[in-house]
């Protein structure tokens, strides 16, 4: 074999055996799941449940670190800068991995290239709700009230991209204007909805459903294409307003820093998929409408591209200006 080809063969062989050795010895220390939203949020609850299962599968502790702020950008940025060794993962959402680049004028990382897809975890719809003192019983009532008042007088809360965009999409579809009041976390926004500091809030089932069920706020509609069996009395936005094509679902997925070895990604994907398939984890979240969906890293990469385009369109049509 000519010398250049012999050298190339040795390099490729070394790379193969080195990657294999990394996979065989990994993990050798605790993993860190970075949750870019506050404790108590749906992302946090899902991360901790998956973390316990992944820990069992890989034989190492999983530490969940909450790094909230700027619609998930702070936590995502930390993972983008992390060493690509599989020990630091982002529990990302549509906020961090689809919508942020359309919501921000600039990001401290390239959203399309900074992360290696690991595993899709699942998805959950949102509920549109109002403060109990609001004189509305249906979503149509809310639209009529908004139209009867000066533009922008209806205040709505948001603490994530899905909460902001779903509300602006609703306003755009209904032909009304509302004013956004941003909060650092979903639980904080909920406290202000209950207290009447804001009039409307759209949030995932983990944050919203317990308060609706307890009668602390009034649920008006769900943001999915179909009614949720968990709270089937609530219509979809499409049903409530007599429109078509309104749908916005929050989803959750695991990402590693770009450059993480493929063999490590494979091990992580297998651990996350085993967790998603576990009956006790599925039952834990059935009451918040969370549906698991095991898949491959490539399937997550394809989904991320589709979702990025979908959210860019939704943000543009809702007339949300990048910050």
C-alpha atoms as a PDB file:
ATOM      1  CA  UNK A   1       0.000   0.000   0.000  1.00  0.00           C
ATOM      2  CA  UNK A   2       1.437   3.433  -0.931  1.00  0.00           C
ATOM      3  CA  UNK A   3       2.626   5.459   2.052  1.00  0.00           C
ATOM      4  CA  UNK A   4      -0.119   8.183   1.899  1.00  0.00           C
ATOM      5  CA  UNK A   5      -2.901   5.580   1.842  1.00  0.00           C
ATOM      6  CA  UNK A   6      -1.262   3.613   4.661  1.00  0.00           C
ATOM      7  CA  UNK A   7      -1.138   6.788   6.751  1.00  0.00           C
ATOM      8  CA  UNK A   8      -4.788   7.587   6.004  1.00  0.00           C
ATOM      9  CA  UNK A   9      -5.806   4.059   6.962  1.00  0.00           C
ATOM     10  CA  UNK A  10      -3.936   4.369  10.278  1.00  0.00           C
ATOM     11  CA  UNK A  11      -5.615   7.712  11.018  1.00  0.00           C
ATOM     12  CA  UNK A  12      -9.082   6.309  10.291  1.00  0.00           C
ATOM     13  CA  UNK A  13      -8.398   3.202  12.354  1.00  0.00           C
ATOM     14  CA  UNK A  14      -7.158   5.299  15.267  1.00  0.00           C
ATOM     15  CA  UNK A  15     -10.257   7.475  15.068  1.00  0.00           C
ATOM     16  CA  UNK A  16     -12.531   4.430  15.066  1.00  0.00           C
ATOM     17  CA  UNK A  17     -10.860   2.757  18.016  1.00  0.00           C
ATOM     18  CA  UNK A  18     -10.607   6.037  19.913  1.00  0.00           C
ATOM     19  CA  UNK A  19     -14.350   6.685  19.444  1.00  0.00           C
ATOM     20  CA  UNK A  20     -15.133   3.118  20.487  1.00  0.00           C
ATOM     21  CA  UNK A  21     -12.975   3.499  23.606  1.00  0.00           C
ATOM     22  CA  UNK A  22     -14.761   6.741  24.504  1.00  0.00           C
ATOM     23  CA  UNK A  23     -18.146   5.036  24.191  1.00  0.00           C
ATOM     24  CA  UNK A  24     -17.028   2.019  26.234  1.00  0.00           C
ATOM     25  CA  UNK A  25     -15.703   4.166  29.092  1.00  0.00           C
ATOM     26  CA  UNK A  26     -18.544   6.690  28.993  1.00  0.00           C
ATOM     27  CA  UNK A  27     -20.119   7.786  31.288  1.00  0.00           C
ATOM     28  CA  UNK A  28     -17.515   7.908  34.024  1.00  0.00           C
ATOM     29  CA  UNK A  29     -18.971  10.804  36.037  1.00  0.00           C
ATOM     30  CA  UNK A  30     -22.337  12.518  36.696  1.00  0.00           C
ATOM     31  CA  UNK A  31     -24.303  14.092  33.839  1.00  0.00           C
ATOM     32  CA  UNK A  32     -25.724  17.600  33.990  1.00  0.00           C
ATOM     33  CA  UNK A  33     -29.102  18.428  32.447  1.00  0.00           C
ATOM     34  CA  UNK A  34     -29.393  22.178  31.875  1.00  0.00           C
ATOM     35  CA  UNK A  35     -33.035  23.273  32.076  1.00  0.00           C
ATOM     36  CA  UNK A  36     -33.357  26.771  30.564  1.00  0.00           C
ATOM     37  CA  UNK A  37     -36.515  27.524  32.545  1.00  0.00           C
ATOM     38  CA  UNK A  38     -37.419  27.836  36.214  1.00  0.00           C
ATOM     39  CA  UNK A  39     -38.020  25.063  38.718  1.00  0.00           C
ATOM     40  CA  UNK A  40     -41.632  23.897  38.600  1.00  0.00           C
ATOM     41  CA  UNK A  41     -42.032  24.534  34.878  1.00  0.00           C
ATOM     42  CA  UNK A  42     -43.065  21.721  32.549  1.00  0.00           C
ATOM     43  CA  UNK A  43     -39.507  21.541  31.184  1.00  0.00           C
ATOM     44  CA  UNK A  44     -38.166  21.167  34.709  1.00  0.00           C
ATOM     45  CA  UNK A  45     -40.638  18.438  35.674  1.00  0.00           C
ATOM     46  CA  UNK A  46     -39.986  16.480  32.483  1.00  0.00           C
ATOM     47  CA  UNK A  47     -36.210  16.870  32.801  1.00  0.00           C
ATOM     48  CA  UNK A  48     -36.217  15.503  36.344  1.00  0.00           C
ATOM     49  CA  UNK A  49     -38.377  12.514  35.433  1.00  0.00           C
ATOM     50  CA  UNK A  50     -36.220  11.654  32.421  1.00  0.00           C
ATOM     51  CA  UNK A  51     -33.085  12.336  34.456  1.00  0.00           C
ATOM     52  CA  UNK A  52     -34.011   9.682  37.009  1.00  0.00           C
ATOM     53  CA  UNK A  53     -34.555   7.122  34.254  1.00  0.00           C
ATOM     54  CA  UNK A  54     -31.400   8.059  32.330  1.00  0.00           C
ATOM     55  CA  UNK A  55     -29.427   7.783  35.569  1.00  0.00           C
ATOM     56  CA  UNK A  56     -30.711   4.238  36.054  1.00  0.00           C
ATOM     57  CA  UNK A  57     -29.858   3.276  32.479  1.00  0.00           C
ATOM     58  CA  UNK A  58     -26.342   4.748  32.457  1.00  0.00           C
ATOM     59  CA  UNK A  59     -25.350   4.070  36.050  1.00  0.00           C
ATOM     60  CA  UNK A  60     -24.381   7.661  36.853  1.00  0.00           C
ATOM     61  CA  UNK A  61     -26.192  10.445  38.733  1.00  0.00           C
ATOM     62  CA  UNK A  62     -27.991  13.102  36.711  1.00  0.00           C
ATOM     63  CA  UNK A  63     -27.898  16.625  38.141  1.00  0.00           C
ATOM     64  CA  UNK A  64     -30.609  19.016  36.942  1.00  0.00           C
ATOM     65  CA  UNK A  65     -29.511  22.665  36.818  1.00  0.00           C
ATOM     66  CA  UNK A  66     -32.106  25.399  36.232  1.00  0.00           C
ATOM     67  CA  UNK A  67     -30.744  28.322  34.209  1.00  0.00           C
ATOM     68  CA  UNK A  68     -33.803  30.445  33.365  1.00  0.00           C
ATOM     69  CA  UNK A  69     -33.890  33.706  31.457  1.00  0.00           C
ATOM     70  CA  UNK A  70     -34.455  35.327  28.046  1.00  0.00           C
ATOM     71  CA  UNK A  71     -36.868  32.657  26.768  1.00  0.00           C
ATOM     72  CA  UNK A  72     -34.312  29.930  27.455  1.00  0.00           C
ATOM     73  CA  UNK A  73     -31.342  31.669  25.831  1.00  0.00           C
ATOM     74  CA  UNK A  74     -29.193  31.780  28.987  1.00  0.00           C
ATOM     75  CA  UNK A  75     -29.350  28.025  29.599  1.00  0.00           C
ATOM     76  CA  UNK A  76     -28.981  27.179  25.909  1.00  0.00           C
ATOM     77  CA  UNK A  77     -25.941  29.428  25.655  1.00  0.00           C
ATOM     78  CA  UNK A  78     -24.267  27.600  28.544  1.00  0.00           C
ATOM     79  CA  UNK A  79     -24.687  24.249  26.795  1.00  0.00           C
ATOM     80  CA  UNK A  80     -23.483  25.673  23.479  1.00  0.00           C
ATOM     81  CA  UNK A  81     -20.213  26.639  25.231  1.00  0.00           C
ATOM     82  CA  UNK A  82     -19.838  23.367  27.147  1.00  0.00           C
ATOM     83  CA  UNK A  83     -17.214  20.724  26.416  1.00  0.00           C
ATOM     84  CA  UNK A  84     -18.706  18.284  23.852  1.00  0.00           C
ATOM     85  CA  UNK A  85     -18.165  15.145  25.913  1.00  0.00           C
ATOM     86  CA  UNK A  86     -21.777  14.119  26.580  1.00  0.00           C
ATOM     87  CA  UNK A  87     -21.784  15.191  30.221  1.00  0.00           C
ATOM     88  CA  UNK A  88     -23.685  18.449  29.703  1.00  0.00           C
ATOM     89  CA  UNK A  89     -27.042  18.329  27.919  1.00  0.00           C
ATOM     90  CA  UNK A  90     -29.715  20.881  27.138  1.00  0.00           C
ATOM     91  CA  UNK A  91     -33.303  19.905  27.826  1.00  0.00           C
ATOM     92  CA  UNK A  92     -34.513  22.128  25.042  1.00  0.00           C
ATOM     93  CA  UNK A  93     -37.889  23.220  23.771  1.00  0.00           C
ATOM     94  CA  UNK A  94     -39.428  24.969  20.814  1.00  0.00           C
ATOM     95  CA  UNK A  95     -38.205  28.187  22.487  1.00  0.00           C
ATOM     96  CA  UNK A  96     -34.513  27.326  22.564  1.00  0.00           C
ATOM     97  CA  UNK A  97     -34.191  25.223  19.433  1.00  0.00           C
ATOM     98  CA  UNK A  98     -36.770  26.551  16.983  1.00  0.00           C
ATOM     99  CA  UNK A  99     -38.034  30.037  17.793  1.00  0.00           C
ATOM    100  CA  UNK A 100     -35.264  32.015  19.456  1.00  0.00           C
ATOM    101  CA  UNK A 101     -33.413  32.920  16.281  1.00  0.00           C
ATOM    102  CA  UNK A 102     -36.622  34.526  14.984  1.00  0.00           C
ATOM    103  CA  UNK A 103     -37.323  36.311  18.276  1.00  0.00           C
ATOM    104  CA  UNK A 104     -33.852  37.746  18.878  1.00  0.00           C
ATOM    105  CA  UNK A 105     -31.845  40.097  16.699  1.00  0.00           C
ATOM    106  CA  UNK A 106     -28.741  38.168  17.665  1.00  0.00           C
ATOM    107  CA  UNK A 107     -27.814  35.105  19.725  1.00  0.00           C
ATOM    108  CA  UNK A 108     -24.512  34.289  21.458  1.00  0.00           C
ATOM    109  CA  UNK A 109     -24.401  31.042  19.454  1.00  0.00           C
ATOM    110  CA  UNK A 110     -25.588  29.698  16.109  1.00  0.00           C
ATOM    111  CA  UNK A 111     -28.878  27.965  16.885  1.00  0.00           C
ATOM    112  CA  UNK A 112     -28.631  25.770  13.777  1.00  0.00           C
ATOM    113  CA  UNK A 113     -25.106  24.465  14.370  1.00  0.00           C
ATOM    114  CA  UNK A 114     -24.366  24.795  18.107  1.00  0.00           C
ATOM    115  CA  UNK A 115     -26.169  21.617  19.176  1.00  0.00           C
ATOM    116  CA  UNK A 116     -26.126  17.919  18.369  1.00  0.00           C
ATOM    117  CA  UNK A 117     -29.637  16.375  18.452  1.00  0.00           C
ATOM    118  CA  UNK A 118     -29.910  13.560  21.006  1.00  0.00           C
ATOM    119  CA  UNK A 119     -33.541  12.564  21.560  1.00  0.00           C
ATOM    120  CA  UNK A 120     -37.089  13.869  21.174  1.00  0.00           C
ATOM    121  CA  UNK A 121     -38.885  13.538  24.502  1.00  0.00           C
ATOM    122  CA  UNK A 122     -42.489  14.492  23.793  1.00  0.00           C
ATOM    123  CA  UNK A 123     -45.028  17.269  23.490  1.00  0.00           C
ATOM    124  CA  UNK A 124     -47.892  18.944  25.329  1.00  0.00           C
ATOM    125  CA  UNK A 125     -50.617  21.439  24.355  1.00  0.00           C
ATOM    126  CA  UNK A 126     -51.296  24.750  26.093  1.00  0.00           C
ATOM    127  CA  UNK A 127     -54.404  26.187  27.752  1.00  0.00           C
ATOM    128  CA  UNK A 128     -55.624  29.763  27.311  1.00  0.00           C
ATOM    129  CA  UNK A 129     -57.013  31.007  30.621  1.00  0.00           C
ATOM    130  CA  UNK A 130     -58.189  34.245  32.208  1.00  0.00           C
ATOM    131  CA  UNK A 131     -58.420  35.665  35.696  1.00  0.00           C
ATOM    132  CA  UNK A 132     -61.652  34.631  37.425  1.00  0.00           C
ATOM    133  CA  UNK A 133     -62.765  38.241  37.746  1.00  0.00           C
ATOM    134  CA  UNK A 134     -62.767  38.729  33.994  1.00  0.00           C
ATOM    135  CA  UNK A 135     -66.378  39.055  32.705  1.00  0.00           C
ATOM    136  CA  UNK A 136     -65.904  36.349  30.060  1.00  0.00           C
ATOM    137  CA  UNK A 137     -66.944  32.704  29.883  1.00  0.00           C
ATOM    138  CA  UNK A 138     -65.659  31.770  26.425  1.00  0.00           C
ATOM    139  CA  UNK A 139     -62.795  32.674  24.124  1.00  0.00           C
ATOM    140  CA  UNK A 140     -65.280  34.481  21.888  1.00  0.00           C
ATOM    141  CA  UNK A 141     -66.339  36.574  24.904  1.00  0.00           C
ATOM    142  CA  UNK A 142     -62.692  37.535  25.422  1.00  0.00           C
ATOM    143  CA  UNK A 143     -62.372  38.595  21.796  1.00  0.00           C
ATOM    144  CA  UNK A 144     -65.547  40.686  22.032  1.00  0.00           C
ATOM    145  CA  UNK A 145     -64.311  42.314  25.243  1.00  0.00           C
ATOM    146  CA  UNK A 146     -60.950  43.153  23.668  1.00  0.00           C
ATOM    147  CA  UNK A 147     -62.677  44.727  20.676  1.00  0.00           C
ATOM    148  CA  UNK A 148     -64.867  46.856  22.940  1.00  0.00           C
ATOM    149  CA  UNK A 149     -61.872  48.368  24.747  1.00  0.00           C
ATOM    150  CA  UNK A 150     -59.048  50.624  23.574  1.00  0.00           C
ATOM    151  CA  UNK A 151     -56.413  48.711  21.615  1.00  0.00           C
ATOM    152  CA  UNK A 152     -53.913  46.865  23.801  1.00  0.00           C
ATOM    153  CA  UNK A 153     -55.823  47.214  27.059  1.00  0.00           C
ATOM    154  CA  UNK A 154     -55.993  43.446  27.595  1.00  0.00           C
ATOM    155  CA  UNK A 155     -52.794  42.452  29.429  1.00  0.00           C
ATOM    156  CA  UNK A 156     -51.450  38.930  28.924  1.00  0.00           C
ATOM    157  CA  UNK A 157     -48.565  37.174  30.651  1.00  0.00           C
ATOM    158  CA  UNK A 158     -45.735  35.200  29.078  1.00  0.00           C
ATOM    159  CA  UNK A 159     -42.577  33.538  30.367  1.00  0.00           C
ATOM    160  CA  UNK A 160     -41.527  31.490  27.345  1.00  0.00           C
ATOM    161  CA  UNK A 161     -41.611  31.566  23.580  1.00  0.00           C
ATOM    162  CA  UNK A 162     -44.561  29.188  23.284  1.00  0.00           C
ATOM    163  CA  UNK A 163     -46.567  31.306  25.737  1.00  0.00           C
ATOM    164  CA  UNK A 164     -45.769  34.536  23.909  1.00  0.00           C
ATOM    165  CA  UNK A 165     -46.213  33.270  20.363  1.00  0.00           C
ATOM    166  CA  UNK A 166     -49.394  31.295  21.073  1.00  0.00           C
ATOM    167  CA  UNK A 167     -51.003  34.408  22.569  1.00  0.00           C
ATOM    168  CA  UNK A 168     -49.905  36.660  19.729  1.00  0.00           C
ATOM    169  CA  UNK A 169     -51.072  34.063  17.199  1.00  0.00           C
ATOM    170  CA  UNK A 170     -54.468  33.996  18.914  1.00  0.00           C
ATOM    171  CA  UNK A 171     -54.680  37.798  18.887  1.00  0.00           C
ATOM    172  CA  UNK A 172     -53.723  37.901  15.219  1.00  0.00           C
ATOM    173  CA  UNK A 173     -56.285  35.221  14.304  1.00  0.00           C
ATOM    174  CA  UNK A 174     -59.010  37.013  16.290  1.00  0.00           C
ATOM    175  CA  UNK A 175     -58.192  40.478  14.940  1.00  0.00           C
ATOM    176  CA  UNK A 176     -57.402  42.016  18.325  1.00  0.00           C
ATOM    177  CA  UNK A 177     -54.401  43.661  19.968  1.00  0.00           C
ATOM    178  CA  UNK A 178     -53.200  42.827  23.469  1.00  0.00           C
ATOM    179  CA  UNK A 179     -50.229  43.941  25.565  1.00  0.00           C
ATOM    180  CA  UNK A 180     -47.607  41.440  26.699  1.00  0.00           C
ATOM    181  CA  UNK A 181     -46.294  41.500  30.270  1.00  0.00           C
ATOM    182  CA  UNK A 182     -43.171  39.293  30.446  1.00  0.00           C
ATOM    183  CA  UNK A 183     -42.279  37.229  33.515  1.00  0.00           C
ATOM    184  CA  UNK A 184     -39.201  35.203  34.406  1.00  0.00           C
ATOM    185  CA  UNK A 185     -41.080  31.934  34.983  1.00  0.00           C
ATOM    186  CA  UNK A 186     -44.417  30.253  34.312  1.00  0.00           C
ATOM    187  CA  UNK A 187     -45.258  29.899  38.021  1.00  0.00           C
ATOM    188  CA  UNK A 188     -44.559  33.631  38.502  1.00  0.00           C
ATOM    189  CA  UNK A 189     -46.839  34.494  35.582  1.00  0.00           C
ATOM    190  CA  UNK A 190     -49.526  32.208  37.034  1.00  0.00           C
ATOM    191  CA  UNK A 191     -49.330  33.969  40.402  1.00  0.00           C
ATOM    192  CA  UNK A 192     -49.953  37.282  38.658  1.00  0.00           C
ATOM    193  CA  UNK A 193     -52.861  35.849  36.651  1.00  0.00           C
ATOM    194  CA  UNK A 194     -54.524  34.566  39.815  1.00  0.00           C
ATOM    195  CA  UNK A 195     -53.890  37.899  41.525  1.00  0.00           C
ATOM    196  CA  UNK A 196     -55.360  39.881  38.643  1.00  0.00           C
ATOM    197  CA  UNK A 197     -52.220  41.792  37.680  1.00  0.00           C
ATOM    198  CA  UNK A 198     -52.693  40.345  34.174  1.00  0.00           C
ATOM    199  CA  UNK A 199     -55.916  39.272  32.495  1.00  0.00           C
ATOM    200  CA  UNK A 200     -54.873  36.308  30.331  1.00  0.00           C
ATOM    201  CA  UNK A 201     -52.149  33.684  30.285  1.00  0.00           C
ATOM    202  CA  UNK A 202     -51.475  30.812  27.884  1.00  0.00           C
ATOM    203  CA  UNK A 203     -49.338  28.022  29.358  1.00  0.00           C
ATOM    204  CA  UNK A 204     -48.678  24.304  29.150  1.00  0.00           C
ATOM    205  CA  UNK A 205     -50.789  21.842  31.089  1.00  0.00           C
ATOM    206  CA  UNK A 206     -48.152  21.378  33.823  1.00  0.00           C
ATOM    207  CA  UNK A 207     -48.453  25.030  34.840  1.00  0.00           C
ATOM    208  CA  UNK A 208     -52.079  25.704  33.923  1.00  0.00           C
ATOM    209  CA  UNK A 209     -54.171  22.562  34.389  1.00  0.00           C
ATOM    210  CA  UNK A 210     -53.936  22.277  38.216  1.00  0.00           C
ATOM    211  CA  UNK A 211     -55.077  25.892  38.582  1.00  0.00           C
ATOM    212  CA  UNK A 212     -57.966  25.418  36.136  1.00  0.00           C
ATOM    213  CA  UNK A 213     -59.048  22.222  37.891  1.00  0.00           C
ATOM    214  CA  UNK A 214     -58.844  23.986  41.278  1.00  0.00           C
ATOM    215  CA  UNK A 215     -61.017  26.847  40.003  1.00  0.00           C
ATOM    216  CA  UNK A 216     -58.304  29.466  40.590  1.00  0.00           C
ATOM    217  CA  UNK A 217     -58.389  30.584  36.936  1.00  0.00           C
ATOM    218  CA  UNK A 218     -60.882  30.068  34.112  1.00  0.00           C
ATOM    219  CA  UNK A 219     -59.765  27.910  31.193  1.00  0.00           C
ATOM    220  CA  UNK A 220     -61.165  28.975  27.805  1.00  0.00           C
ATOM    221  CA  UNK A 221     -59.515  26.803  25.129  1.00  0.00           C
ATOM    222  CA  UNK A 222     -56.629  24.485  24.254  1.00  0.00           C
ATOM    223  CA  UNK A 223     -54.071  25.304  21.575  1.00  0.00           C
ATOM    224  CA  UNK A 224     -53.896  21.837  19.985  1.00  0.00           C
ATOM    225  CA  UNK A 225     -55.695  20.808  16.798  1.00  0.00           C
ATOM    226  CA  UNK A 226     -57.902  18.410  18.774  1.00  0.00           C
ATOM    227  CA  UNK A 227     -59.453  18.536  22.228  1.00  0.00           C
ATOM    228  CA  UNK A 228     -57.426  17.001  25.028  1.00  0.00           C
ATOM    229  CA  UNK A 229     -58.934  13.954  26.773  1.00  0.00           C
ATOM    230  CA  UNK A 230     -57.483  15.322  30.006  1.00  0.00           C
ATOM    231  CA  UNK A 231     -59.843  18.322  29.907  1.00  0.00           C
ATOM    232  CA  UNK A 232     -62.242  17.525  27.097  1.00  0.00           C
ATOM    233  CA  UNK A 233     -64.732  20.218  28.112  1.00  0.00           C
ATOM    234  CA  UNK A 234     -62.410  22.901  26.743  1.00  0.00           C
ATOM    235  CA  UNK A 235     -62.762  23.546  22.997  1.00  0.00           C
ATOM    236  CA  UNK A 236     -59.822  24.103  20.680  1.00  0.00           C
ATOM    237  CA  UNK A 237     -59.069  27.658  19.577  1.00  0.00           C
ATOM    238  CA  UNK A 238     -60.311  26.670  16.125  1.00  0.00           C
ATOM    239  CA  UNK A 239     -63.657  25.507  17.548  1.00  0.00           C
ATOM    240  CA  UNK A 240     -64.041  28.492  19.851  1.00  0.00           C
ATOM    241  CA  UNK A 241     -63.418  31.088  17.145  1.00  0.00           C
ATOM    242  CA  UNK A 242     -64.747  29.219  14.108  1.00  0.00           C
ATOM    243  CA  UNK A 243     -61.378  29.307  12.350  1.00  0.00           C
ATOM    244  CA  UNK A 244     -58.965  26.744  10.879  1.00  0.00           C
ATOM    245  CA  UNK A 245     -55.259  25.952  11.102  1.00  0.00           C
ATOM    246  CA  UNK A 246     -54.538  27.340  14.576  1.00  0.00           C
ATOM    247  CA  UNK A 247     -52.238  24.936  16.414  1.00  0.00           C
ATOM    248  CA  UNK A 248     -49.314  25.478  18.749  1.00  0.00           C
ATOM    249  CA  UNK A 249     -47.806  22.692  20.836  1.00  0.00           C
ATOM    250  CA  UNK A 250     -44.871  22.909  23.244  1.00  0.00           C
ATOM    251  CA  UNK A 251     -42.301  20.170  22.739  1.00  0.00           C
ATOM    252  CA  UNK A 252     -39.242  18.967  24.611  1.00  0.00           C
ATOM    253  CA  UNK A 253     -35.986  17.411  23.394  1.00  0.00           C
ATOM    254  CA  UNK A 254     -32.430  16.700  24.529  1.00  0.00           C
ATOM    255  CA  UNK A 255     -29.441  18.283  22.795  1.00  0.00           C
ATOM    256  CA  UNK A 256     -25.682  18.017  23.356  1.00  0.00           C
ATOM    257  CA  UNK A 257     -23.005  20.523  22.356  1.00  0.00           C
ATOM    258  CA  UNK A 258     -21.982  20.187  18.717  1.00  0.00           C
ATOM    259  CA  UNK A 259     -19.012  17.878  18.319  1.00  0.00           C
ATOM    260  CA  UNK A 260     -20.121  15.330  20.913  1.00  0.00           C
ATOM    261  CA  UNK A 261     -18.923  11.862  19.759  1.00  0.00           C
ATOM    262  CA  UNK A 262     -21.570   9.964  17.796  1.00  0.00           C
ATOM    263  CA  UNK A 263     -21.068   6.846  19.911  1.00  0.00           C
ATOM    264  CA  UNK A 264     -21.933   8.858  23.029  1.00  0.00           C
ATOM    265  CA  UNK A 265     -24.975  10.342  21.285  1.00  0.00           C
ATOM    266  CA  UNK A 266     -26.135   6.809  20.483  1.00  0.00           C
ATOM    267  CA  UNK A 267     -25.840   5.741  24.123  1.00  0.00           C
ATOM    268  CA  UNK A 268     -27.730   8.810  25.269  1.00  0.00           C
ATOM    269  CA  UNK A 269     -30.454   8.313  22.676  1.00  0.00           C
ATOM    270  CA  UNK A 270     -30.977   4.736  23.822  1.00  0.00           C
ATOM    271  CA  UNK A 271     -31.245   5.830  27.458  1.00  0.00           C
ATOM    272  CA  UNK A 272     -33.739   8.609  26.675  1.00  0.00           C
ATOM    273  CA  UNK A 273     -35.834   6.338  24.457  1.00  0.00           C
ATOM    274  CA  UNK A 274     -35.956   3.675  27.168  1.00  0.00           C
ATOM    275  CA  UNK A 275     -37.202   6.356  29.558  1.00  0.00           C
ATOM    276  CA  UNK A 276     -39.826   7.545  27.070  1.00  0.00           C
ATOM    277  CA  UNK A 277     -41.063   3.970  26.663  1.00  0.00           C
ATOM    278  CA  UNK A 278     -41.332   3.316  30.407  1.00  0.00           C
ATOM    279  CA  UNK A 279     -44.921   2.942  31.552  1.00  0.00           C
ATOM    280  CA  UNK A 280     -44.426   4.660  34.902  1.00  0.00           C
ATOM    281  CA  UNK A 281     -42.972   7.786  33.280  1.00  0.00           C
ATOM    282  CA  UNK A 282     -45.848   7.911  30.793  1.00  0.00           C
ATOM    283  CA  UNK A 283     -48.379   7.530  33.607  1.00  0.00           C
ATOM    284  CA  UNK A 284     -46.647  10.247  35.641  1.00  0.00           C
ATOM    285  CA  UNK A 285     -47.444  12.831  32.984  1.00  0.00           C
ATOM    286  CA  UNK A 286     -50.716  11.596  31.527  1.00  0.00           C
ATOM    287  CA  UNK A 287     -52.663  14.179  33.543  1.00  0.00           C
ATOM    288  CA  UNK A 288     -50.784  17.094  31.981  1.00  0.00           C
ATOM    289  CA  UNK A 289     -51.348  15.888  28.423  1.00  0.00           C
ATOM    290  CA  UNK A 290     -47.681  15.034  27.834  1.00  0.00           C
ATOM    291  CA  UNK A 291     -47.185  12.427  25.131  1.00  0.00           C
ATOM    292  CA  UNK A 292     -43.769  10.756  24.773  1.00  0.00           C
ATOM    293  CA  UNK A 293     -42.376  10.036  21.334  1.00  0.00           C
ATOM    294  CA  UNK A 294     -39.108   8.045  21.138  1.00  0.00           C
ATOM    295  CA  UNK A 295     -37.095   8.654  17.974  1.00  0.00           C
ATOM    296  CA  UNK A 296     -33.598   8.820  16.489  1.00  0.00           C
ATOM    297  CA  UNK A 297     -31.194  11.766  16.596  1.00  0.00           C
ATOM    298  CA  UNK A 298     -31.663  12.193  12.837  1.00  0.00           C
ATOM    299  CA  UNK A 299     -35.448  12.333  13.269  1.00  0.00           C
ATOM    300  CA  UNK A 300     -34.960  15.080  15.859  1.00  0.00           C
ATOM    301  CA  UNK A 301     -32.637  16.959  13.489  1.00  0.00           C
ATOM    302  CA  UNK A 302     -35.297  16.807  10.753  1.00  0.00           C
ATOM    303  CA  UNK A 303     -38.030  17.878  13.164  1.00  0.00           C
ATOM    304  CA  UNK A 304     -35.926  20.800  14.390  1.00  0.00           C
ATOM    305  CA  UNK A 305     -35.579  22.112  10.833  1.00  0.00           C
ATOM    306  CA  UNK A 306     -39.335  21.841  10.247  1.00  0.00           C
ATOM    307  CA  UNK A 307     -40.185  23.449  13.576  1.00  0.00           C
ATOM    308  CA  UNK A 308     -37.743  26.315  13.007  1.00  0.00           C
ATOM    309  CA  UNK A 309     -39.496  27.122   9.732  1.00  0.00           C
ATOM    310  CA  UNK A 310     -42.933  26.763  11.338  1.00  0.00           C
ATOM    311  CA  UNK A 311     -42.099  29.063  14.247  1.00  0.00           C
ATOM    312  CA  UNK A 312     -40.456  31.632  12.009  1.00  0.00           C
ATOM    313  CA  UNK A 313     -43.679  31.799   9.998  1.00  0.00           C
ATOM    314  CA  UNK A 314     -45.841  32.008  13.142  1.00  0.00           C
ATOM    315  CA  UNK A 315     -43.693  34.790  14.630  1.00  0.00           C
ATOM    316  CA  UNK A 316     -43.717  36.738  11.357  1.00  0.00           C
ATOM    317  CA  UNK A 317     -47.488  36.427  10.945  1.00  0.00           C
ATOM    318  CA  UNK A 318     -48.069  37.431  14.570  1.00  0.00           C
ATOM    319  CA  UNK A 319     -46.063  40.613  13.881  1.00  0.00           C
ATOM    320  CA  UNK A 320     -43.627  39.970  16.724  1.00  0.00           C
ATOM    321  CA  UNK A 321     -40.549  42.152  16.290  1.00  0.00           C
ATOM    322  CA  UNK A 322     -37.142  40.641  17.174  1.00  0.00           C
ATOM    323  CA  UNK A 323     -35.733  42.019  20.413  1.00  0.00           C
END
